[in-house]
């Protein structure tokens, strides 16, 4: 533990900084839980299948497209894609029109965070016929995938995979996608017939470009229409304010560089500070000399405004010891739950935590998912090599 007595001034500063760390961790948790922006769309599922698409010149008597099922998800995390093996959920949809297993797969993806929501639209048994449904899509999960069985068939389906509803960072107002036939690769056969044997081994998903179809016809269409209103363009000037807390430090001590903006669509800070975002409004810095920081912010009309602040750095005495604090938030969890291990240092040139080693002083917390009660200890060293230690114990029930 710390071998030096802290005066009341330093204790108050430590408590203030620790409180700021915890507040930021809580704010970040809210940001992760609730997306910063979202859009609402109406998707219209329209059947286009007709006799001219079939070599025989007529549709099967019971021709239909089964329930359309899809999801909003992260880019690169589709429900299916060409030249891959179909999941059990895709197999069941393509062979039977059964969506139950695919619903389970989507729910599992939602649980781990790669998908956001599930989307369903009614089947189509008359051509042409349309069904519509609405859904909300967040910025964090702005891609979509859909599938529907072509029935009757062995294992054929229509669908889209990993299509983004954003273009150049902005929500698209409308999007139309023609759907052509795909083979799931799970059953044998090349005709519109249910009763065929399983493929052994299972084949990769592939596009159908021939018999019994003529070429690769458009079996259906998906049209996406944004139905929520765009925020009005703000034609007023952007404003900003920034500062440091504390305003005067010793070399390599920590201070919080904070900023605030209004009516700004983008911003930047000089002296190596990463580009500000709405998800972050401060950063820890450990400068060795006095520095003036300047921020430029841009409004919707393209006008630029700026603000600045100056940090003072005083000379440190060689006998100034390192100081530290360490904790977890929350302090008691269930096995496998997440907690933030946070730390604070002052007058430290380097620091390490058991199990992590050489932590970055500019990073003041990490997320952990421990399965057992653990004691963490931080060792902080000043420029003279004097060591200070702090520890905390996380209780896992």
Protein backbone atom coordinates (compact mmCIF):
# COMPACT_ATOMS: atom_id res chain seq x y z
CA UNK A 1 0.00 0.00 0.00
CA UNK A 2 1.04 3.69 -0.25
CA UNK A 3 3.90 4.44 2.14
CA UNK A 4 3.44 8.21 1.97
CA UNK A 5 0.95 10.36 3.79
CA UNK A 6 -1.20 12.38 1.38
CA UNK A 7 -2.21 15.86 2.40
CA UNK A 8 -5.88 16.84 2.21
CA UNK A 9 -5.39 18.77 -1.05
CA UNK A 10 -4.02 15.76 -2.93
CA UNK A 11 -6.69 13.49 -1.42
CA UNK A 12 -9.41 15.82 -2.67
CA UNK A 13 -7.86 15.88 -6.14
CA UNK A 14 -7.65 12.08 -6.21
CA UNK A 15 -11.30 11.69 -5.19
CA UNK A 16 -12.33 14.17 -7.87
CA UNK A 17 -10.43 12.32 -10.60
CA UNK A 18 -11.65 8.91 -9.44
CA UNK A 19 -15.23 10.23 -9.50
CA UNK A 20 -14.67 11.49 -13.06
CA UNK A 21 -13.37 8.06 -14.14
CA UNK A 22 -16.42 6.29 -12.67
CA UNK A 23 -18.83 8.80 -14.21
CA UNK A 24 -17.21 8.29 -17.60
CA UNK A 25 -17.40 4.50 -17.29
CA UNK A 26 -21.13 4.80 -16.53
CA UNK A 27 -21.66 7.19 -19.44
CA UNK A 28 -19.78 4.87 -21.79
CA UNK A 29 -22.01 1.99 -20.66
CA UNK A 30 -25.09 4.01 -21.61
CA UNK A 31 -23.58 4.84 -24.99
CA UNK A 32 -22.90 1.16 -25.65
CA UNK A 33 -26.42 0.19 -24.60
CA UNK A 34 -28.28 2.86 -26.54
CA UNK A 35 -27.13 3.66 -30.09
CA UNK A 36 -26.40 7.28 -30.84
CA UNK A 37 -28.54 7.32 -33.98
CA UNK A 38 -31.07 5.09 -35.71
CA UNK A 39 -33.46 5.08 -38.62
CA UNK A 40 -36.87 3.51 -39.20
CA UNK A 41 -37.64 1.76 -42.48
CA UNK A 42 -40.61 0.15 -44.17
CA UNK A 43 -39.64 -2.93 -46.18
CA UNK A 44 -42.03 -4.13 -48.90
CA UNK A 45 -41.74 -7.76 -50.05
CA UNK A 46 -43.19 -8.16 -53.58
CA UNK A 47 -43.51 -11.46 -55.43
CA UNK A 48 -42.48 -11.29 -59.13
CA UNK A 49 -42.42 -15.01 -59.97
CA UNK A 50 -44.34 -15.90 -63.15
CA UNK A 51 -44.59 -18.59 -65.83
CA UNK A 52 -42.09 -16.86 -68.12
CA UNK A 53 -39.36 -17.67 -65.58
CA UNK A 54 -39.82 -21.45 -65.93
CA UNK A 55 -38.56 -23.67 -68.76
CA UNK A 56 -41.86 -25.62 -68.71
CA UNK A 57 -43.81 -22.38 -69.18
CA UNK A 58 -45.99 -22.75 -66.07
CA UNK A 59 -45.66 -22.28 -62.32
CA UNK A 60 -46.30 -25.20 -59.96
CA UNK A 61 -49.89 -25.29 -58.68
CA UNK A 62 -48.80 -24.48 -55.12
CA UNK A 63 -46.06 -21.98 -55.99
CA UNK A 64 -45.36 -19.58 -53.12
CA UNK A 65 -42.66 -17.75 -51.20
CA UNK A 66 -42.52 -18.57 -47.49
CA UNK A 67 -42.32 -16.12 -44.57
CA UNK A 68 -39.56 -13.57 -45.14
CA UNK A 69 -37.16 -13.58 -42.19
CA UNK A 70 -34.23 -11.24 -41.68
CA UNK A 71 -32.14 -9.29 -39.20
CA UNK A 72 -30.27 -6.04 -38.72
CA UNK A 73 -26.66 -6.79 -37.89
CA UNK A 74 -23.09 -5.55 -37.88
CA UNK A 75 -21.30 -5.27 -41.20
CA UNK A 76 -19.59 -8.55 -42.05
CA UNK A 77 -21.94 -10.63 -39.85
CA UNK A 78 -24.64 -11.77 -42.33
CA UNK A 79 -27.13 -14.61 -41.83
CA UNK A 80 -25.74 -16.26 -44.99
CA UNK A 81 -23.40 -15.57 -47.88
CA UNK A 82 -22.45 -17.22 -51.19
CA UNK A 83 -19.75 -19.92 -51.30
CA UNK A 84 -20.27 -20.84 -47.64
CA UNK A 85 -22.09 -23.73 -46.01
CA UNK A 86 -25.67 -22.97 -45.01
CA UNK A 87 -26.37 -22.96 -41.28
CA UNK A 88 -29.06 -25.26 -39.90
CA UNK A 89 -31.41 -22.26 -39.78
CA UNK A 90 -30.83 -21.39 -43.46
CA UNK A 91 -31.14 -25.10 -44.37
CA UNK A 92 -34.52 -25.39 -42.65
CA UNK A 93 -35.84 -22.25 -44.36
CA UNK A 94 -34.59 -23.36 -47.81
CA UNK A 95 -35.93 -26.92 -47.48
CA UNK A 96 -39.15 -26.48 -45.52
CA UNK A 97 -39.84 -22.77 -45.02
CA UNK A 98 -39.33 -23.42 -41.28
CA UNK A 99 -38.02 -20.24 -39.60
CA UNK A 100 -37.81 -21.47 -35.98
CA UNK A 101 -34.12 -22.48 -36.03
CA UNK A 102 -33.08 -19.33 -37.88
CA UNK A 103 -34.97 -17.28 -35.27
CA UNK A 104 -32.86 -19.02 -32.60
CA UNK A 105 -29.67 -18.20 -34.53
CA UNK A 106 -30.67 -14.55 -34.83
CA UNK A 107 -31.50 -14.37 -31.11
CA UNK A 108 -28.07 -15.87 -30.31
CA UNK A 109 -26.44 -13.22 -32.51
CA UNK A 110 -28.44 -10.52 -30.69
CA UNK A 111 -27.21 -11.90 -27.35
CA UNK A 112 -23.52 -11.68 -28.36
CA UNK A 113 -24.05 -8.27 -29.96
CA UNK A 114 -23.47 -9.01 -33.66
CA UNK A 115 -27.18 -8.59 -34.49
CA UNK A 116 -29.68 -6.03 -33.22
CA UNK A 117 -33.20 -7.14 -34.20
CA UNK A 118 -35.24 -9.74 -36.06
CA UNK A 119 -37.58 -8.85 -38.96
CA UNK A 120 -40.51 -10.90 -40.31
CA UNK A 121 -42.91 -10.37 -43.22
CA UNK A 122 -45.80 -12.60 -44.37
CA UNK A 123 -45.48 -15.24 -47.07
CA UNK A 124 -46.63 -14.65 -50.67
CA UNK A 125 -48.87 -17.15 -52.47
CA UNK A 126 -50.32 -14.93 -55.21
CA UNK A 127 -48.20 -13.23 -57.86
CA UNK A 128 -47.80 -10.33 -57.97
CA UNK A 129 -48.51 -9.69 -54.27
CA UNK A 130 -46.86 -7.44 -51.67
CA UNK A 131 -46.48 -7.46 -47.90
CA UNK A 132 -44.87 -4.77 -45.77
CA UNK A 133 -43.44 -4.41 -42.28
CA UNK A 134 -41.42 -1.76 -40.43
CA UNK A 135 -38.25 -2.00 -38.39
CA UNK A 136 -35.69 0.21 -36.67
CA UNK A 137 -32.00 -0.06 -37.48
CA UNK A 138 -29.21 1.52 -35.35
CA UNK A 139 -25.95 2.91 -36.69
CA UNK A 140 -24.04 0.16 -34.93
CA UNK A 141 -25.98 -2.56 -36.81
CA UNK A 142 -26.84 -0.88 -40.11
CA UNK A 143 -26.57 -3.96 -42.35
CA UNK A 144 -29.40 -6.35 -43.22
CA UNK A 145 -29.87 -9.95 -44.38
CA UNK A 146 -33.10 -11.71 -45.47
CA UNK A 147 -34.20 -15.15 -46.75
CA UNK A 148 -37.43 -16.78 -47.99
CA UNK A 149 -37.95 -20.27 -49.45
CA UNK A 150 -38.90 -20.76 -53.10
CA UNK A 151 -41.63 -23.38 -52.79
CA UNK A 152 -41.98 -26.04 -53.91
CA UNK A 153 -38.26 -26.82 -54.26
CA UNK A 154 -35.62 -29.05 -52.74
CA UNK A 155 -33.53 -26.34 -51.04
CA UNK A 156 -33.88 -23.13 -53.03
CA UNK A 157 -34.39 -19.67 -51.62
CA UNK A 158 -34.23 -15.97 -52.37
CA UNK A 159 -32.57 -13.37 -50.17
CA UNK A 160 -29.98 -10.67 -49.57
CA UNK A 161 -26.90 -10.70 -47.38
CA UNK A 162 -24.87 -8.01 -45.63
CA UNK A 163 -26.51 -5.04 -47.39
CA UNK A 164 -25.87 -1.70 -45.69
CA UNK A 165 -28.66 0.85 -45.35
CA UNK A 166 -26.01 3.57 -45.17
CA UNK A 167 -24.15 5.22 -48.02
CA UNK A 168 -21.17 7.49 -47.36
CA UNK A 169 -22.10 7.50 -43.69
CA UNK A 170 -25.70 8.67 -44.26
CA UNK A 171 -28.96 6.73 -44.07
CA UNK A 172 -30.35 5.87 -47.49
CA UNK A 173 -33.84 7.21 -48.17
CA UNK A 174 -34.85 4.38 -50.52
CA UNK A 175 -33.29 1.12 -51.70
CA UNK A 176 -34.67 -1.50 -54.11
CA UNK A 177 -33.16 -5.00 -54.41
CA UNK A 178 -34.20 -7.65 -56.94
CA UNK A 179 -34.10 -11.20 -55.57
CA UNK A 180 -32.90 -14.10 -57.75
CA UNK A 181 -32.80 -17.82 -56.84
CA UNK A 182 -30.10 -19.45 -54.70
CA UNK A 183 -29.32 -23.11 -53.96
CA UNK A 184 -28.61 -23.83 -50.26
CA UNK A 185 -26.55 -26.90 -51.18
CA UNK A 186 -28.29 -29.19 -48.68
CA UNK A 187 -30.42 -31.39 -50.98
CA UNK A 188 -30.01 -33.07 -54.34
CA UNK A 189 -32.12 -32.14 -57.35
CA UNK A 190 -32.63 -29.51 -60.00
CA UNK A 191 -36.40 -29.28 -60.25
CA UNK A 192 -39.33 -27.72 -58.37
CA UNK A 193 -39.88 -30.73 -56.11
CA UNK A 194 -39.82 -31.19 -52.30
CA UNK A 195 -39.00 -34.88 -52.03
CA UNK A 196 -35.27 -35.27 -52.72
CA UNK A 197 -32.38 -36.78 -50.71
CA UNK A 198 -29.85 -34.79 -48.68
CA UNK A 199 -26.60 -33.72 -50.35
CA UNK A 200 -23.64 -35.73 -49.04
CA UNK A 201 -21.40 -33.95 -48.50
CA UNK A 202 -23.25 -30.66 -48.07
CA UNK A 203 -22.48 -28.21 -50.88
CA UNK A 204 -21.75 -24.48 -50.75
CA UNK A 205 -24.49 -21.91 -51.28
CA UNK A 206 -24.57 -20.99 -54.98
CA UNK A 207 -26.59 -18.92 -57.43
CA UNK A 208 -29.01 -20.78 -59.74
CA UNK A 209 -28.61 -19.70 -63.36
CA UNK A 210 -30.39 -22.41 -65.34
CA UNK A 211 -32.91 -25.27 -65.35
CA UNK A 212 -35.70 -25.26 -64.32
CA UNK A 213 -35.43 -21.47 -64.52
CA UNK A 214 -34.65 -19.48 -67.60
CA UNK A 215 -31.41 -17.77 -66.66
CA UNK A 216 -31.53 -16.25 -63.18
CA UNK A 217 -34.96 -14.57 -63.04
CA UNK A 218 -36.20 -11.96 -60.56
CA UNK A 219 -38.41 -14.00 -58.23
CA UNK A 220 -39.20 -11.13 -55.87
CA UNK A 221 -38.19 -7.63 -54.88
CA UNK A 222 -37.41 -5.89 -51.60
CA UNK A 223 -37.97 -2.14 -51.37
CA UNK A 224 -36.74 -0.19 -48.33
CA UNK A 225 -38.19 3.25 -47.61
CA UNK A 226 -37.03 5.42 -44.73
CA UNK A 227 -40.12 6.62 -42.90
CA UNK A 228 -38.69 8.65 -40.01
CA UNK A 229 -37.90 12.29 -40.64
CA UNK A 230 -34.37 13.60 -41.11
CA UNK A 231 -33.29 16.17 -38.50
CA UNK A 232 -33.42 19.70 -39.89
CA UNK A 233 -30.18 21.15 -41.20
CA UNK A 234 -28.71 23.48 -38.62
CA UNK A 235 -27.57 26.70 -40.25
CA UNK A 236 -26.25 28.34 -37.09
CA UNK A 237 -22.55 28.51 -36.28
CA UNK A 238 -20.87 25.76 -34.30
CA UNK A 239 -19.48 26.70 -30.90
CA UNK A 240 -17.02 24.94 -28.59
CA UNK A 241 -15.37 25.24 -25.21
CA UNK A 242 -12.43 23.32 -23.77
CA UNK A 243 -10.28 23.22 -20.67
CA UNK A 244 -8.00 21.13 -18.47
CA UNK A 245 -8.62 19.90 -14.93
CA UNK A 246 -6.38 20.46 -13.08
CA UNK A 247 -4.98 23.47 -14.94
CA UNK A 248 -1.49 23.26 -13.38
CA UNK A 249 0.44 20.00 -13.00
CA UNK A 250 3.94 18.65 -12.49
CA UNK A 251 5.69 17.06 -15.53
CA UNK A 252 4.06 13.75 -16.54
CA UNK A 253 1.20 14.12 -14.07
CA UNK A 254 -2.26 13.34 -15.35
CA UNK A 255 -4.88 15.92 -16.23
CA UNK A 256 -8.25 15.71 -17.98
CA UNK A 257 -8.50 17.65 -21.27
CA UNK A 258 -12.25 18.19 -21.76
CA UNK A 259 -14.33 19.74 -24.52
CA UNK A 260 -17.93 20.71 -25.25
CA UNK A 261 -19.55 21.49 -28.60
CA UNK A 262 -22.89 22.69 -29.91
CA UNK A 263 -24.24 22.74 -33.49
CA UNK A 264 -21.11 20.88 -34.67
CA UNK A 265 -21.09 17.99 -37.14
CA UNK A 266 -17.33 17.36 -36.80
CA UNK A 267 -14.31 18.56 -34.88
CA UNK A 268 -10.57 18.10 -34.37
CA UNK A 269 -8.00 18.90 -31.66
CA UNK A 270 -4.31 19.52 -32.35
CA UNK A 271 -1.20 18.23 -30.52
CA UNK A 272 -1.89 14.58 -31.20
CA UNK A 273 -5.35 14.34 -29.62
CA UNK A 274 -7.60 11.85 -31.42
CA UNK A 275 -10.57 13.26 -33.31
CA UNK A 276 -13.40 14.16 -30.90
CA UNK A 277 -16.68 12.26 -31.19
CA UNK A 278 -20.10 12.49 -29.56
CA UNK A 279 -19.18 9.33 -27.63
CA UNK A 280 -16.19 11.01 -25.91
CA UNK A 281 -15.80 14.49 -24.49
CA UNK A 282 -12.55 14.24 -22.54
CA UNK A 283 -9.23 12.40 -22.58
CA UNK A 284 -6.44 11.83 -20.05
CA UNK A 285 -3.10 13.39 -20.99
CA UNK A 286 0.32 13.30 -19.31
CA UNK A 287 2.35 16.19 -20.79
CA UNK A 288 5.89 17.03 -19.74
CA UNK A 289 5.69 20.70 -20.70
CA UNK A 290 3.21 23.56 -20.95
CA UNK A 291 0.91 23.09 -23.94
CA UNK A 292 -1.84 25.06 -25.68
CA UNK A 293 -4.58 22.90 -27.20
CA UNK A 294 -6.83 24.21 -29.98
CA UNK A 295 -10.11 22.71 -31.19
CA UNK A 296 -11.78 23.40 -34.55
CA UNK A 297 -15.47 22.56 -35.03
CA UNK A 298 -17.48 22.57 -38.26
CA UNK A 299 -21.19 23.44 -38.54
CA UNK A 300 -23.68 21.96 -41.00
CA UNK A 301 -23.23 24.96 -43.32
CA UNK A 302 -19.46 24.38 -43.48
CA UNK A 303 -18.44 27.30 -41.24
CA UNK A 304 -15.57 26.63 -38.79
CA UNK A 305 -15.21 27.92 -35.23
CA UNK A 306 -12.41 27.34 -32.74
CA UNK A 307 -11.56 27.44 -29.05
CA UNK A 308 -8.39 26.78 -27.06
CA UNK A 309 -6.97 26.21 -23.59
CA UNK A 310 -3.46 26.27 -22.08
CA UNK A 311 -2.08 23.77 -19.58
CA UNK A 312 0.69 24.94 -17.23
CA UNK A 313 3.40 22.47 -16.20
CA UNK A 314 5.59 23.30 -13.20
CA UNK A 315 8.98 21.77 -12.38
CA UNK A 316 8.82 18.74 -10.10
CA UNK A 317 11.24 18.06 -7.22
CA UNK A 318 13.26 14.88 -7.40
CA UNK A 319 11.77 13.68 -4.08
CA UNK A 320 8.12 13.85 -5.22
CA UNK A 321 6.74 10.28 -4.79
CA UNK A 322 4.35 8.54 -7.14
CA UNK A 323 0.76 8.22 -6.01
CA UNK A 324 -1.95 5.82 -7.16
CA UNK A 325 -5.51 4.58 -6.72
CA UNK A 326 -7.09 1.34 -7.98
CA UNK A 327 -10.62 -0.06 -7.89
CA UNK A 328 -13.38 -1.94 -9.73
CA UNK A 329 -16.87 -0.80 -10.68
CA UNK A 330 -18.97 -2.69 -9.76
CA UNK A 331 -16.98 -4.19 -6.85
CA UNK A 332 -19.09 -7.39 -6.64
CA UNK A 333 -20.20 -9.40 -9.70
CA UNK A 334 -21.45 -12.80 -10.76
CA UNK A 335 -18.98 -15.10 -12.54
CA UNK A 336 -18.50 -14.03 -16.15
CA UNK A 337 -20.13 -10.60 -15.71
CA UNK A 338 -18.22 -7.47 -16.75
CA UNK A 339 -16.57 -4.92 -14.46
CA UNK A 340 -14.31 -1.93 -15.06
CA UNK A 341 -10.87 -2.09 -13.44
CA UNK A 342 -9.86 1.59 -13.11
CA UNK A 343 -6.68 3.26 -11.95
CA UNK A 344 -5.23 6.71 -11.30
CA UNK A 345 -1.59 7.75 -10.95
CA UNK A 346 0.28 10.93 -10.15
CA UNK A 347 4.02 11.70 -10.45
CA UNK A 348 4.46 8.28 -12.08
CA UNK A 349 6.78 7.66 -15.04
CA UNK A 350 5.62 4.04 -15.40
CA UNK A 351 3.13 1.63 -13.84
CA UNK A 352 2.09 -2.02 -14.02
CA UNK A 353 -0.80 -4.13 -12.76
CA UNK A 354 -0.34 -7.80 -11.92
CA UNK A 355 -1.37 -9.82 -14.95
CA UNK A 356 -1.22 -6.85 -17.36
CA UNK A 357 2.28 -5.28 -17.08
CA UNK A 358 3.35 -1.89 -18.41
CA UNK A 359 -0.08 -0.30 -18.55
CA UNK A 360 -0.47 2.88 -20.54
CA UNK A 361 -0.77 5.86 -18.24
CA UNK A 362 -3.05 7.49 -20.82
CA UNK A 363 -5.51 4.60 -20.43
CA UNK A 364 -7.25 4.62 -17.06
CA UNK A 365 -9.57 1.61 -17.15
CA UNK A 366 -10.15 -1.74 -18.86
CA UNK A 367 -13.15 -4.08 -19.00
CA UNK A 368 -12.73 -7.48 -17.34
CA UNK A 369 -14.89 -10.62 -17.21
CA UNK A 370 -13.36 -12.63 -14.33
CA UNK A 371 -14.74 -15.95 -13.08
CA UNK A 372 -13.26 -15.86 -9.58
CA UNK A 373 -12.45 -13.42 -6.78
CA UNK A 374 -9.21 -11.61 -7.68
CA UNK A 375 -6.90 -9.09 -5.99
CA UNK A 376 -5.29 -6.59 -8.36
CA UNK A 377 -2.24 -4.51 -7.43
CA UNK A 378 -0.83 -1.51 -9.27
CA UNK A 379 2.86 -0.63 -8.91
CA UNK A 380 3.70 2.97 -9.84
CA UNK A 381 7.26 4.31 -10.15
CA UNK A 382 8.39 7.93 -10.22
CA UNK A 383 11.37 9.34 -12.15
CA UNK A 384 13.73 8.53 -9.25
CA UNK A 385 12.72 4.87 -9.16
CA UNK A 386 10.66 5.16 -5.96
CA UNK A 387 7.78 2.68 -5.97
CA UNK A 388 4.24 3.11 -4.66
CA UNK A 389 1.69 0.27 -4.60
CA UNK A 390 -2.11 0.20 -4.34
CA UNK A 391 -4.44 -2.78 -4.50
CA UNK A 392 -8.12 -3.71 -4.71
CA UNK A 393 -10.08 -6.95 -4.51
CA UNK A 394 -12.94 -7.86 -6.85
CA UNK A 395 -15.46 -10.23 -5.30
CA UNK A 396 -16.98 -12.81 -7.66
CA UNK A 397 -20.00 -14.59 -6.23
